[in-house]
Amino acid sequence: MEKSKVYFTKNIDGESLVKLYDKLGVSLKGKVAVKLHSGEEGNQNYMKPDFVKNIIEYVDGVVVECNTAYEGMRNTTEKHLELMEKHGWNKYFTVDILDSEHDEILINETGSVIQKNYVGSKMKNYDSMLILSHFKGHPMGGFGGALKNISIGLASSKGKSYIHTGGIEDASFDDLMNADHDSFLKSMADSAKTITDFYGENIVYINAMVNMSVDCDCCHVAEDPCMADIGILASIDPVALDQACVDLVYNSKDVGRDTLVERIESRNGLLTIESAENQGIGTRVYELISID
């Protein structure tokens, strides 16, 4: 099996994001969407606009997000846009909530749990996509990286519930709370496949291993980072990229490494990567190439 290339730098700054993107040898075409996490109100760990300014301007991108399926400041378009302005996203960039109008359905006939994915109708307005992900822990998924960002992250509000519950239409709060956990993890891989099929070669991925808390940027009150920053990684293969990030955590000698590993393993987080590989999204076999 041919190894996927994953580029890595220990330098954590805006210039390094651009350098990594150039190493991928891909020029994103047409109107470019940049999918990132806008950060829940009160969260201290999400990537800030100043950090990603260089790369977003470099690809002439529009910052895109999708509404959540839970209470908070991001579950309606109006509140979400208000929070994005508060967090400074409007200072430099045009922002767009992809599911602010209605949903579209993308099909994955080979999905192991779900065979369709609900996304925002405005996604079709973009020719290509840059996935900027903050790699960290997650209360349910174990960890969040590129695969989570293109699955739950790009799903509409309805789509998020559909993925979380393993395919329940119009899921209730009880459905969300009592959903089968492994079905949720596999559903993330199923939905991620619809995104990679939709964009084909016109999608690339960058993960920043910074502010690595066991909690996600969706948490209103998140735990502080448990281990030191590691660096930034990029690839055209989201499976290889997330696997490389997980391996860097596992191989770290940082005193907080065990805390993040426990979060990943207690939530069976590696199942998402394994399922994504089984879906043919990418490979867990990779070559890590340092550009330092």
Protein backbone atom coordinates (compact mmCIF):
# COMPACT_ATOMS: atom_id res chain seq x y z
CA MET A 1 0.00 0.00 0.00
CA GLU A 2 1.34 3.40 -0.98
CA LYS A 3 1.99 5.69 1.94
CA SER A 4 0.20 9.03 2.14
CA LYS A 5 2.42 12.06 2.66
CA VAL A 6 1.87 14.08 5.84
CA TYR A 7 3.93 17.25 6.21
CA PHE A 8 4.91 18.44 9.68
CA THR A 9 6.49 21.49 11.26
CA LYS A 10 7.18 22.37 14.87
CA ASN A 11 6.87 26.05 13.98
CA ILE A 12 3.46 27.29 15.04
CA ASP A 13 2.69 30.53 13.22
CA GLY A 14 0.81 31.90 10.25
CA GLU A 15 3.74 31.65 7.88
CA SER A 16 4.10 27.94 8.60
CA LEU A 17 0.45 27.33 7.69
CA VAL A 18 1.13 28.80 4.25
CA LYS A 19 4.38 26.86 3.87
CA LEU A 20 2.62 23.57 4.65
CA TYR A 21 -0.16 24.32 2.20
CA ASP A 22 2.38 24.99 -0.55
CA LYS A 23 4.11 21.67 0.20
CA LEU A 24 0.89 19.82 -0.68
CA GLY A 25 1.26 20.93 -4.29
CA VAL A 26 -2.46 21.62 -4.62
CA SER A 27 -3.94 24.89 -5.82
CA LEU A 28 -7.52 25.10 -4.63
CA LYS A 29 -9.74 26.23 -7.48
CA GLY A 30 -12.56 28.71 -7.84
CA LYS A 31 -14.43 29.92 -4.79
CA VAL A 32 -12.67 28.50 -1.71
CA ALA A 33 -14.43 27.70 1.56
CA VAL A 34 -12.30 27.51 4.69
CA LYS A 35 -13.96 25.27 7.28
CA LEU A 36 -12.84 25.90 10.84
CA HIS A 37 -14.36 25.97 14.31
CA SER A 38 -15.69 29.39 15.28
CA GLY A 39 -15.45 28.48 19.00
CA GLU A 40 -18.33 28.26 21.46
CA GLU A 41 -18.89 31.25 23.71
CA GLY A 42 -16.64 30.96 26.76
CA ASN A 43 -14.23 28.51 25.12
CA GLN A 44 -10.58 29.53 25.48
CA ASN A 45 -8.86 26.95 23.28
CA TYR A 46 -10.16 27.42 19.72
CA MET A 47 -7.85 28.71 16.98
CA LYS A 48 -8.02 32.49 16.78
CA PRO A 49 -8.44 34.62 13.62
CA ASP A 50 -4.97 36.19 13.86
CA PHE A 51 -3.34 32.74 13.78
CA VAL A 52 -5.07 31.61 10.56
CA LYS A 53 -5.21 35.01 8.82
CA ASN A 54 -2.25 34.38 6.50
CA ILE A 55 -3.48 31.08 5.07
CA ILE A 56 -7.09 32.24 4.60
CA GLU A 57 -5.93 35.32 2.72
CA TYR A 58 -3.44 33.19 0.75
CA VAL A 59 -6.23 31.00 -0.67
CA ASP A 60 -8.64 33.97 -0.86
CA GLY A 61 -11.09 31.96 1.23
CA VAL A 62 -14.46 32.50 2.86
CA VAL A 63 -14.75 31.28 6.46
CA VAL A 64 -17.63 28.80 6.67
CA GLU A 65 -19.38 27.18 9.59
CA CYS A 66 -22.57 25.22 10.33
CA ASN A 67 -25.06 25.52 13.16
CA THR A 68 -25.08 23.15 16.12
CA ALA A 69 -27.74 20.74 17.33
CA TYR A 70 -27.50 21.69 21.00
CA GLU A 71 -28.20 24.76 23.10
CA GLY A 72 -25.61 27.51 23.04
CA MET A 73 -24.57 30.52 20.99
CA ARG A 74 -24.23 28.60 17.73
CA ASN A 75 -27.55 26.74 17.34
CA THR A 76 -29.19 29.46 15.22
CA THR A 77 -27.74 31.42 12.35
CA GLU A 78 -28.43 34.74 14.04
CA LYS A 79 -26.64 33.82 17.27
CA HIS A 80 -23.84 32.07 15.43
CA LEU A 81 -23.09 35.12 13.28
CA GLU A 82 -23.20 37.32 16.38
CA LEU A 83 -20.67 35.08 18.12
CA MET A 84 -18.42 34.94 15.05
CA GLU A 85 -18.32 38.71 15.05
CA LYS A 86 -17.58 38.72 18.78
CA HIS A 87 -14.72 36.27 18.21
CA GLY A 88 -13.28 38.48 15.49
CA TRP A 89 -13.91 36.37 12.40
CA ASN A 90 -15.60 39.28 10.63
CA LYS A 91 -12.61 41.51 11.25
CA TYR A 92 -10.59 40.01 8.41
CA PHE A 93 -12.87 37.60 6.55
CA THR A 94 -16.18 37.10 4.87
CA VAL A 95 -18.12 34.51 6.89
CA ASP A 96 -20.91 32.20 5.78
CA ILE A 97 -23.19 29.80 7.68
CA LEU A 98 -23.70 26.97 5.22
CA ASP A 99 -27.02 25.72 6.62
CA SER A 100 -28.60 29.16 7.08
CA GLU A 101 -31.12 28.49 4.28
CA HIS A 102 -31.95 24.80 3.98
CA ASP A 103 -30.41 21.32 3.83
CA GLU A 104 -29.14 19.23 0.96
CA ILE A 105 -28.64 15.46 1.08
CA LEU A 106 -25.38 13.80 0.04
CA ILE A 107 -25.40 10.04 -0.52
CA ASN A 108 -22.92 7.36 0.58
CA GLU A 109 -24.34 4.05 -0.63
CA THR A 110 -21.56 2.08 1.09
CA GLY A 111 -22.02 3.71 4.51
CA SER A 112 -21.72 1.17 7.31
CA VAL A 113 -24.36 2.86 9.51
CA ILE A 114 -25.82 5.79 7.57
CA GLN A 115 -26.10 6.15 3.81
CA LYS A 116 -26.92 9.86 3.62
CA ASN A 117 -25.64 13.09 5.09
CA TYR A 118 -27.49 16.35 5.65
CA VAL A 119 -25.36 19.40 4.80
CA GLY A 120 -26.08 23.08 4.36
CA SER A 121 -27.40 23.98 0.91
CA LYS A 122 -24.82 26.77 0.56
CA MET A 123 -21.97 24.25 0.42
CA LYS A 124 -22.67 23.88 -3.30
CA ASN A 125 -21.63 27.53 -3.75
CA TYR A 126 -17.97 26.58 -3.19
CA ASP A 127 -15.66 24.91 -5.69
CA SER A 128 -13.07 23.76 -3.18
CA MET A 129 -12.41 23.62 0.53
CA LEU A 130 -9.54 24.06 2.98
CA ILE A 131 -10.16 22.18 6.23
CA LEU A 132 -8.42 23.97 9.10
CA SER A 133 -8.76 21.81 12.20
CA HIS A 134 -7.70 22.26 15.79
CA PHE A 135 -6.53 18.83 16.93
CA LYS A 136 -7.59 18.18 20.53
CA GLY A 137 -9.63 15.82 22.67
CA HIS A 138 -13.40 15.51 22.50
CA PRO A 139 -15.98 14.54 25.16
CA MET A 140 -17.74 12.09 22.82
CA GLY A 141 -15.46 11.38 19.87
CA GLY A 142 -12.30 10.96 21.94
CA PHE A 143 -10.48 13.41 19.71
CA GLY A 144 -11.30 15.95 17.04
CA GLY A 145 -9.30 16.52 13.88
CA ALA A 146 -9.84 16.60 10.14
CA LEU A 147 -12.35 13.73 10.02
CA LYS A 148 -14.55 15.27 12.68
CA ASN A 149 -14.36 18.65 10.94
CA ILE A 150 -15.69 17.26 7.65
CA SER A 151 -18.32 15.03 9.26
CA ILE A 152 -20.02 16.57 12.28
CA GLY A 153 -18.40 19.90 11.45
CA LEU A 154 -19.88 20.20 7.95
CA ALA A 155 -23.23 18.59 8.78
CA SER A 156 -26.19 20.91 9.14
CA SER A 157 -27.93 21.19 12.49
CA LYS A 158 -30.28 18.36 11.44
CA GLY A 159 -27.32 16.45 10.06
CA LYS A 160 -25.45 16.63 13.33
CA SER A 161 -28.35 14.95 15.14
CA TYR A 162 -28.62 12.38 12.36
CA ILE A 163 -24.93 11.46 12.70
CA HIS A 164 -24.94 11.45 16.50
CA THR A 165 -27.90 9.06 16.62
CA GLY A 166 -26.69 6.76 13.89
CA GLY A 167 -29.46 7.73 11.48
CA ILE A 168 -32.54 8.75 13.47
CA GLU A 169 -34.65 11.27 11.56
CA ASP A 170 -35.79 14.31 13.58
CA ALA A 171 -33.97 12.98 16.66
CA SER A 172 -35.13 14.06 20.10
CA PHE A 173 -32.88 15.09 22.97
CA ASP A 174 -33.40 11.63 24.50
CA ASP A 175 -32.32 10.06 21.21
CA LEU A 176 -29.12 12.09 21.33
CA MET A 177 -28.42 11.15 24.94
CA ASN A 178 -29.08 7.43 24.45
CA ALA A 179 -27.51 6.87 21.04
CA ASP A 180 -25.21 3.92 20.46
CA HIS A 181 -21.69 5.29 20.78
CA ASP A 182 -19.87 3.16 18.21
CA SER A 183 -22.63 3.82 15.68
CA PHE A 184 -21.98 7.53 16.15
CA LEU A 185 -18.24 7.06 15.52
CA LYS A 186 -18.87 4.99 12.39
CA SER A 187 -21.48 7.48 11.20
CA MET A 188 -18.85 10.22 11.30
CA ALA A 189 -16.77 8.19 8.84
CA ASP A 190 -19.84 7.53 6.67
CA SER A 191 -20.68 11.22 6.48
CA ALA A 192 -17.04 12.23 5.93
CA LYS A 193 -17.04 10.05 2.80
CA THR A 194 -19.84 12.15 1.29
CA ILE A 195 -17.69 15.27 1.67
CA THR A 196 -14.55 13.77 0.14
CA ASP A 197 -16.66 12.44 -2.74
CA PHE A 198 -18.29 15.86 -3.22
CA TYR A 199 -15.02 17.80 -3.47
CA GLY A 200 -12.78 15.12 -4.94
CA GLU A 201 -9.27 16.52 -5.40
CA ASN A 202 -10.37 20.03 -4.45
CA ILE A 203 -10.04 19.64 -0.70
CA VAL A 204 -6.97 19.75 1.56
CA TYR A 205 -6.44 19.42 5.30
CA ILE A 206 -4.35 21.15 7.95
CA ASN A 207 -4.34 20.14 11.64
CA ALA A 208 -2.86 22.39 14.33
CA MET A 209 -1.76 20.49 17.43
CA VAL A 210 -2.04 23.44 19.80
CA ASN A 211 -3.99 24.11 23.01
CA MET A 212 -4.68 20.40 23.31
CA SER A 213 -7.36 20.03 25.93
CA VAL A 214 -9.36 16.83 26.44
CA ASP A 215 -12.39 18.96 25.53
CA CYS A 216 -13.61 20.26 22.19
CA ASP A 217 -13.93 23.87 21.08
CA CYS A 218 -17.70 23.29 21.26
CA CYS A 219 -17.51 23.21 25.08
CA HIS A 220 -18.68 26.39 26.78
CA VAL A 221 -16.41 25.58 29.71
CA ALA A 222 -13.44 23.54 28.51
CA GLU A 223 -10.56 22.13 30.49
CA ASP A 224 -7.25 23.88 29.96
CA PRO A 225 -4.69 22.18 27.66
CA CYS A 226 -3.23 19.05 29.21
CA MET A 227 -0.02 18.89 27.19
CA ALA A 228 2.37 21.19 25.35
CA ASP A 229 1.87 22.23 21.73
CA ILE A 230 3.40 19.85 19.16
CA GLY A 231 3.16 21.55 15.79
CA ILE A 232 1.16 21.77 12.56
CA LEU A 233 0.51 18.99 10.04
CA ALA A 234 -0.97 18.96 6.53
CA SER A 235 -2.04 16.35 3.99
CA ILE A 236 -4.44 15.65 1.16
CA ASP A 237 -5.43 12.50 3.11
CA PRO A 238 -7.52 13.18 6.27
CA VAL A 239 -7.16 9.61 7.52
CA ALA A 240 -3.37 9.72 7.40
CA LEU A 241 -3.38 13.21 8.88
CA ASP A 242 -5.48 12.30 11.92
CA GLN A 243 -3.53 9.06 12.42
CA ALA A 244 -0.24 11.00 12.37
CA CYS A 245 -1.58 13.40 15.00
CA VAL A 246 -2.74 10.55 17.22
CA ASP A 247 0.67 8.87 16.86
CA LEU A 248 2.45 12.08 17.86
CA VAL A 249 0.35 12.20 21.02
CA TYR A 250 0.99 8.54 21.83
CA ASN A 251 4.73 8.90 21.22
CA SER A 252 5.04 12.11 23.22
CA LYS A 253 7.02 12.21 26.47
CA ASP A 254 4.94 15.13 27.73
CA VAL A 255 3.64 14.66 31.28
CA GLY A 256 0.08 15.37 30.11
CA ARG A 257 0.15 12.83 27.31
CA ASP A 258 -1.60 10.14 29.39
CA THR A 259 -4.58 12.42 30.01
CA LEU A 260 -5.27 12.89 26.31
CA VAL A 261 -4.61 9.22 25.52
CA GLU A 262 -7.13 8.22 28.19
CA ARG A 263 -9.73 10.49 26.61
CA ILE A 264 -9.12 8.97 23.15
CA GLU A 265 -9.22 5.37 24.36
CA SER A 266 -12.13 5.73 26.79
CA ARG A 267 -14.30 6.99 23.90
CA ASN A 268 -12.97 4.40 21.40
CA GLY A 269 -11.83 7.33 19.28
CA LEU A 270 -9.63 5.30 16.94
CA LEU A 271 -12.76 3.62 15.54
CA THR A 272 -13.50 6.74 13.49
CA ILE A 273 -10.09 6.57 11.78
CA GLU A 274 -10.43 2.83 11.21
CA SER A 275 -13.93 3.24 9.77
CA ALA A 276 -12.80 6.08 7.51
CA GLU A 277 -10.03 3.89 6.13
CA ASN A 278 -12.57 1.11 5.55
CA GLN A 279 -14.73 3.60 3.66
CA GLY A 280 -11.82 4.28 1.30
CA ILE A 281 -11.37 7.89 2.36
CA GLY A 282 -7.65 7.41 2.91
CA THR A 283 -5.02 5.23 4.52
CA ARG A 284 -3.53 5.01 8.01
CA VAL A 285 -0.16 4.22 6.41
CA TYR A 286 1.76 7.45 6.01
CA GLU A 287 5.17 9.07 5.66
CA LEU A 288 5.77 11.97 8.06
CA ILE A 289 7.88 14.61 6.32
CA SER A 290 9.37 17.38 8.43
CA ILE A 291 9.79 20.75 6.76
CA ASP A 292 11.76 22.33 9.63
